[in-house]
Protein backbone atom coordinates (compact mmCIF):
# COMPACT_ATOMS: atom_id res chain seq x y z
CA MET A 1 0.00 0.00 0.00
CA LEU A 2 1.44 3.33 -1.07
CA VAL A 3 1.33 6.24 1.39
CA ASP A 4 1.23 9.78 0.04
CA THR A 5 3.78 11.69 2.10
CA SER A 6 3.98 14.76 -0.14
CA SER A 7 1.31 16.66 1.82
CA ASP A 8 3.11 15.90 5.07
CA HIS A 9 6.36 17.11 3.56
CA ARG A 10 4.75 20.32 2.35
CA SER A 11 3.20 20.90 5.77
CA PHE A 12 6.52 20.32 7.46
CA SER A 13 8.27 22.69 5.02
CA MET A 14 5.73 25.46 5.58
CA ALA A 15 5.94 25.03 9.35
CA SER A 16 9.73 25.22 9.15
CA ARG A 17 9.60 28.42 7.13
CA LEU A 18 7.08 29.87 9.56
CA VAL A 19 9.34 29.09 12.51
CA VAL A 20 12.33 30.60 10.71
CA SER A 21 10.36 33.70 9.73
CA ARG A 22 9.18 34.13 13.32
CA ARG A 23 12.76 33.87 14.50
CA CYS A 24 13.87 36.44 11.90
CA LEU A 25 11.00 38.85 12.60
CA PRO A 26 12.55 40.43 15.73
CA ARG A 27 15.80 40.96 13.84
CA PHE A 28 13.91 42.55 10.96
CA ARG A 29 12.06 44.85 13.35
CA CYS A 30 15.32 45.86 15.00
CA LEU A 31 16.80 46.64 11.60
CA ILE A 32 13.80 48.82 10.71
CA VAL A 33 14.07 50.66 14.04
CA LEU A 34 17.80 51.18 13.57
CA MET A 35 17.10 52.71 10.17
CA ILE A 36 14.16 54.89 11.21
CA VAL A 37 15.53 56.33 14.46
CA PRO A 38 18.57 58.10 12.92
CA VAL A 39 16.39 59.45 10.09
CA CYS A 40 13.91 60.85 12.64
CA PHE A 41 16.68 62.43 14.70
CA THR A 42 18.17 63.99 11.58
CA MET A 43 14.83 65.40 10.50
CA ILE A 44 14.15 66.80 13.97
CA PHE A 45 17.64 68.35 14.13
CA ASN A 46 17.34 69.94 10.68
CA HIS A 47 13.76 71.14 11.10
CA TYR A 48 13.57 71.69 14.86
CA GLU A 49 12.57 75.33 14.53
CA LYS A 50 9.82 74.58 12.01
CA ILE A 51 8.47 71.79 14.18
CA THR A 52 8.39 73.96 17.31
CA TYR A 53 6.73 76.82 15.39
CA PHE A 54 4.10 74.47 13.97
CA LEU A 55 3.38 73.04 17.43
CA ARG A 56 3.38 76.45 19.15
CA PRO A 57 -0.41 76.30 19.77
CA LEU A 58 0.23 73.21 21.94
CA TRP A 59 3.09 74.51 24.10
CA ASP A 60 2.76 78.30 24.18
CA THR A 61 0.10 80.76 25.27
CA PRO A 62 -0.53 84.19 23.74
CA PRO A 63 0.46 87.31 25.72
CA ARG A 64 -2.24 89.19 27.56
CA PRO A 65 -4.34 91.32 25.19
CA LEU A 66 -3.45 94.92 24.40
CA THR A 67 -5.86 97.84 24.62
CA TYR A 68 -6.03 99.70 21.32
CA VAL A 69 -6.76 103.42 21.55
CA PRO A 70 -8.77 104.72 18.54
CA HIS A 71 -6.75 107.12 16.41
CA TYR A 72 -8.67 109.97 14.78
CA TYR A 73 -7.24 111.90 11.87
CA ALA A 74 -8.49 113.74 8.80
CA GLU A 75 -6.38 115.97 6.60
CA ASN A 76 -8.28 119.19 7.21
CA ALA A 77 -9.41 118.57 10.80
CA SER A 78 -8.14 121.06 13.37
CA LEU A 79 -5.78 120.02 16.13
CA ALA A 80 -8.33 121.15 18.71
CA THR A 81 -10.87 118.77 17.18
CA LEU A 82 -8.42 115.87 17.00
CA CYS A 83 -7.25 116.33 20.61
CA ARG A 84 -10.88 116.50 21.78
CA LEU A 85 -11.84 113.31 19.90
CA HIS A 86 -9.09 111.47 21.78
CA GLY A 87 -10.26 112.84 25.11
CA TRP A 88 -7.26 115.18 25.33
CA THR A 89 -6.91 118.96 25.28
CA LEU A 90 -4.97 121.28 22.99
CA ARG A 91 -1.74 122.73 24.35
CA SER A 92 -0.77 126.37 24.00
CA GLU A 93 2.55 125.30 22.45
CA PRO A 94 3.90 121.99 21.13
CA ARG A 95 6.18 119.68 23.07
CA ARG A 96 9.73 119.27 21.86
CA VAL A 97 10.22 115.89 20.17
CA PHE A 98 13.32 113.66 20.36
CA ASP A 99 13.55 110.68 18.01
CA ALA A 100 16.06 108.01 19.11
CA ILE A 101 17.29 105.04 17.03
CA ILE A 102 20.11 102.48 17.11
CA PHE A 103 21.45 102.38 13.57
CA SER A 104 22.81 99.44 11.59
CA ASN A 105 22.84 99.92 7.81
CA GLU A 106 19.35 101.07 6.73
CA LEU A 107 20.40 104.28 4.95
CA ASP A 108 17.39 104.50 2.65
CA LEU A 109 14.82 103.94 5.36
CA LEU A 110 16.66 106.41 7.59
CA GLU A 111 16.28 109.08 4.92
CA VAL A 112 12.58 108.27 4.49
CA ARG A 113 12.11 108.33 8.27
CA TRP A 114 13.85 111.64 8.85
CA GLY A 115 12.19 113.16 5.80
CA GLU A 116 8.78 112.25 7.22
CA LEU A 117 9.56 113.53 10.73
CA TYR A 118 11.78 116.56 10.06
CA PRO A 119 9.07 119.24 10.50
CA TYR A 120 8.16 117.92 13.95
CA VAL A 121 11.38 116.63 15.54
CA THR A 122 13.70 118.77 17.66
CA LYS A 123 16.62 116.31 17.69
CA PHE A 124 17.38 113.10 15.81
CA ILE A 125 19.41 110.92 18.19
CA ILE A 126 21.36 108.15 16.44
CA LEU A 127 23.72 105.58 17.98
CA GLU A 128 26.11 103.57 15.80
CA SER A 129 28.70 100.88 16.55
CA ASN A 130 31.61 99.34 14.66
CA ALA A 131 30.43 95.81 15.50
CA THR A 132 27.19 93.94 14.91
CA PHE A 133 25.09 92.36 17.65
CA THR A 134 26.75 89.05 16.71
CA GLY A 135 30.30 90.40 17.17
CA MET A 136 31.20 90.90 13.50
CA PRO A 137 33.13 94.01 12.38
CA LYS A 138 30.79 96.59 10.87
CA ALA A 139 31.43 99.72 8.86
CA LEU A 140 30.27 103.00 10.35
CA THR A 141 27.68 103.32 7.63
CA PHE A 142 26.03 106.48 8.86
CA ALA A 143 29.27 108.28 9.72
CA SER A 144 30.72 107.56 6.28
CA ASN A 145 27.51 108.73 4.54
CA ARG A 146 26.74 111.67 6.80
CA GLU A 147 26.91 114.19 3.97
CA ARG A 148 23.83 112.51 2.48
CA PHE A 149 21.93 113.81 5.53
CA SER A 150 23.31 117.35 5.49
CA PHE A 151 19.76 118.71 5.26
CA PHE A 152 19.10 117.28 8.75
CA GLU A 153 22.51 118.19 10.22
CA ASP A 154 21.28 120.92 12.58
CA LYS A 155 19.10 118.36 14.35
CA ILE A 156 21.47 115.35 14.52
CA VAL A 157 22.88 114.05 17.82
CA TYR A 158 25.35 111.29 16.89
CA GLY A 159 26.89 108.75 19.22
CA PHE A 160 29.57 106.13 18.55
CA LEU A 161 29.68 102.94 20.64
CA PRO A 162 32.87 100.81 20.41
CA GLY A 163 31.68 97.30 19.64
CA LYS A 164 32.65 93.96 21.12
CA LEU A 165 34.23 91.77 18.43
CA ALA A 166 34.12 87.98 18.56
CA SER A 167 37.53 86.30 18.30
CA GLY A 168 38.97 82.80 18.32
CA GLY A 169 35.67 81.02 17.78
CA GLN A 170 34.09 82.98 20.63
CA ARG A 171 30.29 83.10 20.60
CA ILE A 172 28.66 86.36 21.61
CA ASN A 173 25.09 86.56 22.89
CA PRO A 174 23.45 89.02 20.46
CA PHE A 175 20.63 89.84 22.86
CA SER A 176 23.16 90.80 25.53
CA VAL A 177 24.96 93.09 23.06
CA GLU A 178 21.66 94.60 21.97
CA GLY A 179 20.85 95.28 25.63
CA HIS A 180 24.21 97.05 26.05
CA HIS A 181 23.40 99.23 23.01
CA ARG A 182 20.08 100.23 24.53
CA PHE A 183 21.75 101.04 27.86
CA SER A 184 24.29 103.23 26.06
CA MET A 185 21.45 104.95 24.22
CA ASN A 186 20.07 106.11 27.57
CA GLU A 187 23.28 108.06 28.18
CA LEU A 188 23.17 109.60 24.70
CA ILE A 189 19.54 110.65 25.19
CA SER A 190 20.40 112.27 28.52
CA SER A 191 23.13 114.34 26.86
CA SER A 192 20.95 115.41 23.91
CA GLY A 193 19.33 118.36 25.68
CA ILE A 194 16.07 116.55 26.44
CA SER A 195 14.03 117.76 29.43
CA ASN A 196 11.20 116.42 31.55
CA GLY A 197 7.93 116.71 29.66
CA ASP A 198 9.47 116.42 26.19
CA LEU A 199 8.24 113.69 23.84
CA LEU A 200 10.67 110.81 23.24
CA ILE A 201 10.08 108.38 20.36
CA VAL A 202 11.71 104.97 20.86
CA ALA A 203 11.72 102.81 17.74
CA ASP A 204 13.94 100.89 15.33
CA THR A 205 15.06 102.64 12.16
CA ASP A 206 12.52 100.73 10.06
CA GLU A 207 9.61 101.70 12.35
CA ILE A 208 8.49 105.05 10.95
CA PRO A 209 5.82 107.08 12.79
CA SER A 210 3.67 109.25 10.56
CA GLY A 211 4.07 113.00 10.76
CA ASN A 212 0.41 113.48 11.73
CA THR A 213 0.88 111.05 14.66
CA ILE A 214 3.84 113.00 16.03
CA LYS A 215 2.01 116.30 15.55
CA LEU A 216 -0.96 114.94 17.51
CA LEU A 217 1.23 113.72 20.39
CA GLN A 218 3.21 116.96 20.63
CA TRP A 219 0.16 119.25 20.60
CA CYS A 220 -2.22 117.38 22.93
CA ASP A 221 -2.27 117.35 26.73
CA GLY A 222 -3.53 114.32 28.61
CA ILE A 223 -1.83 111.68 26.45
CA PRO A 224 -0.66 108.57 28.35
CA PRO A 225 2.92 108.91 29.66
CA VAL A 226 3.88 105.72 27.79
CA LEU A 227 2.07 104.66 24.65
CA HIS A 228 2.88 101.92 22.16
CA LEU A 229 2.52 102.83 18.49
CA ASP A 230 0.61 100.42 16.28
CA MET A 231 2.15 100.34 12.79
CA LYS A 232 1.26 98.70 9.52
CA LYS A 233 3.99 96.19 8.79
CA TYR A 234 5.52 95.45 5.40
CA LEU A 235 8.16 92.97 4.27
CA TYR A 236 10.86 93.84 1.67
CA SER A 237 8.88 96.87 0.42
CA PHE A 238 5.47 98.50 0.69
CA GLU A 239 4.24 95.92 -1.83
CA PHE A 240 3.92 93.18 0.81
CA PRO A 241 1.71 94.16 3.78
CA THR A 242 1.71 91.77 6.73
CA ASP A 243 0.40 91.91 10.32
CA PRO A 244 0.72 95.19 12.26
CA THR A 245 3.38 95.66 14.94
CA TRP A 246 3.27 97.73 18.13
CA LYS A 247 6.71 97.77 19.85
CA ALA A 248 7.62 101.37 19.00
CA THR A 249 6.75 103.71 21.88
CA SER A 250 6.21 107.34 22.74
CA HIS A 251 7.21 108.61 26.19
CA ILE A 252 6.57 111.78 28.09
CA TYR A 253 10.19 111.98 29.16
CA HIS A 254 11.31 112.02 32.81
CA GLN A 255 14.53 111.04 34.58
CA HIS A 256 13.52 107.37 34.88
CA THR A 257 12.56 106.91 31.22
CA ARG A 258 14.53 104.05 29.65
CA TYR A 259 15.19 103.16 26.02
CA MET A 260 13.53 99.75 25.61
CA HIS A 261 12.03 97.87 22.68
CA SER A 262 9.62 95.65 24.57
CA ARG A 263 6.16 95.78 26.10
CA GLN A 264 5.92 98.61 28.63
CA THR A 265 2.18 99.29 28.75
CA ASP A 266 -1.09 97.76 27.62
CA LEU A 267 -2.08 100.89 25.69
CA VAL A 268 -1.52 101.06 21.92
CA LEU A 269 -2.42 104.02 19.71
CA SER A 270 -3.86 102.57 16.50
CA ASP A 271 -2.53 103.12 12.98
CA THR A 272 0.41 105.43 13.71
CA GLY A 273 2.84 104.68 10.88
CA TRP A 274 4.76 102.04 8.98
CA HIS A 275 7.19 99.23 9.84
CA CYS A 276 9.10 98.16 6.72
CA SER A 277 11.20 95.12 7.64
CA PHE A 278 14.13 94.00 5.44
CA CYS A 279 13.43 96.91 3.08
CA PHE A 280 16.86 97.22 1.47
CA LYS A 281 17.95 98.37 -1.97
CA TYR A 282 20.87 95.96 -2.42
CA LEU A 283 21.06 92.18 -1.98
CA SER A 284 24.32 92.59 -0.07
CA GLU A 285 22.41 94.61 2.56
CA PHE A 286 20.05 91.68 3.08
CA VAL A 287 23.05 89.43 3.78
CA VAL A 288 24.48 91.92 6.28
CA LYS A 289 21.17 92.09 8.14
CA MET A 290 20.67 88.31 8.12
CA THR A 291 24.11 87.64 9.61
CA SER A 292 24.32 90.52 12.06
CA TYR A 293 21.10 91.08 13.96
CA SER A 294 19.83 89.29 17.07
CA HIS A 295 18.15 86.44 15.15
CA ALA A 296 21.19 85.58 13.02
CA ASP A 297 20.88 81.97 14.26
CA ARG A 298 18.04 81.56 11.76
CA VAL A 299 20.64 81.32 8.98
CA LYS A 300 21.11 77.55 8.96
CA ASN A 301 23.37 77.20 5.91
CA LYS A 302 25.14 79.22 3.22
CA GLU A 303 22.27 78.71 0.77
CA HIS A 304 20.22 81.16 2.84
CA LEU A 305 22.69 83.89 1.83
CA ASP A 306 22.70 83.13 -1.90
CA HIS A 307 21.78 86.27 -3.84
CA SER A 308 19.61 84.49 -6.41
CA ARG A 309 17.67 82.75 -3.64
CA ILE A 310 17.17 86.02 -1.74
CA GLN A 311 16.00 87.75 -4.95
CA GLN A 312 13.43 85.03 -5.57
CA LYS A 313 12.14 85.25 -2.01
CA ILE A 314 11.75 89.03 -2.28
CA CYS A 315 9.73 88.98 -5.51
CA ASN A 316 7.54 86.10 -4.30
CA GLY A 317 6.92 87.56 -0.86
CA ASP A 318 8.33 84.45 0.83
CA ASP A 319 10.11 84.20 4.17
CA LEU A 320 13.90 84.47 3.83
CA TYR A 321 14.42 81.69 6.38
CA ASP A 322 11.53 79.44 5.28
CA MET A 323 10.05 79.87 8.73
CA LEU A 324 6.45 79.34 9.74
CA PRO A 325 4.30 82.18 11.14
CA GLU A 326 4.44 82.80 14.89
CA GLU A 327 0.83 82.09 15.79
CA TYR A 328 -0.97 80.67 18.82
CA THR A 329 -3.81 78.83 17.05
CA PHE A 330 -3.60 76.29 14.26
CA LYS A 331 -6.31 78.20 12.37
CA ASN A 332 -4.21 81.39 12.23
CA LEU A 333 -0.98 79.49 11.60
CA ILE A 334 -2.34 77.54 8.63
CA GLY A 335 -4.15 80.62 7.31
CA LYS A 336 -0.89 82.60 7.14
CA MET A 337 1.30 79.93 5.59
CA GLY A 338 2.70 80.61 2.15
CA SER A 339 3.62 83.75 0.27
CA ILE A 340 2.45 87.23 1.26
CA PRO A 341 -0.11 88.54 -1.26
CA HIS A 342 1.09 91.45 -3.40
CA SER A 343 -0.51 94.87 -2.99
CA ALA A 344 -0.71 97.41 -5.81
CA SER A 345 -1.57 100.27 -3.46
CA ALA A 346 0.86 103.09 -2.74
CA VAL A 347 -1.70 105.20 -0.88
CA HIS A 348 -1.19 106.48 2.70
CA LEU A 349 2.58 105.93 2.65
CA PRO A 350 5.27 108.31 3.98
CA THR A 351 5.07 111.67 2.19
CA TYR A 352 8.83 111.85 1.68
CA LEU A 353 8.74 108.43 -0.01
CA ILE A 354 6.08 109.48 -2.52
CA GLU A 355 7.79 112.81 -3.22
CA ASN A 356 11.00 110.89 -4.02
CA ALA A 357 9.37 107.87 -5.65
CA GLU A 358 11.94 107.54 -8.42
CA LYS A 359 14.80 107.37 -5.93
CA PHE A 360 13.00 104.82 -3.77
CA LYS A 361 11.14 102.85 -6.44
CA PHE A 362 12.45 99.59 -4.96
CA LEU A 363 10.20 100.29 -1.95
CA LEU A 364 7.06 100.65 -4.06
CA PRO A 365 4.81 98.09 -5.82
CA GLY A 366 6.52 96.56 -8.85
CA GLY A 367 10.06 97.31 -7.66
CA CYS A 368 11.09 93.92 -6.26
CA LEU A 369 14.26 93.46 -8.36
CA ARG A 370 17.42 94.34 -6.42
CA PRO A 371 20.99 94.89 -7.66
CA PRO A 372 23.73 92.90 -5.86
CA ASP A 373 25.41 95.93 -4.25
């Protein structure tokens, strides 16, 4: 009698393979884990900032809300009317105004700023250093181009601050250096001829208050002693409007007033001017800013400083660092991803800018192309 053993043999073979595969499975899983873990660590290391920004709604909370003060203005309205609408009273004479900035290399914006404010400002206080916040040597850009600002010379109070240069691989904390600049600015302000009761404007060079805002603050009594200035923000030029900013401040000066660029009150006067960030004429100026200011750590590789890449980012309205928006809800974060929409409007911009539009056409809609230097 013949016995068919083929089925038994096949069953035994399949069982053997199953046992072998089960023995190999843990090894295979270990191999997969060993491959995936380094890839994950590499991705997290390379994109840590993007990941933390995307997850900000989970780990961060928004600051307490600000109180926005309505800002009334019409071209032909009297100062008495405007002061009254704000709940203030008209002074018999205007306050003196002192405008104080720490200067890096924004020559064009400085000219636009001073041109806008010249009729109202008593003294333009400007502090310049020969080193960047990151410890790199820096040309004294304003000092070497001072003749360009000869029209403003009678109002200029200039201060030079010897910078701290990094050497031998030394790392310098840019925020500490920036704090030292602001402390030194206090001394320069004190020596500028300012007196108690004068109006002090504290802002970065690219934060430009409107002339009508300064006129309102210098002519009205009853204004808050410290007031943040809400400004329309633009990136690269006035073609790319983004979210408003509020860190610029006005102070009724007294002996304890300090030059700070941070939150000092809950009160914000609405729609007071323009903040044009990274609004440079030359691509080389973008590189200087990217490698020298307090957030220079956002430059992760040399490609970020490539002129052709920077040019493309400017014309597209894209972030220079490929960063995500700083938002506290996923709805706002996702809504603001991507390029900034272009604007064709050049209405309600600084008067000096419009009067010199040909000179500053790179700041206006359609002027995104930048020469290298």
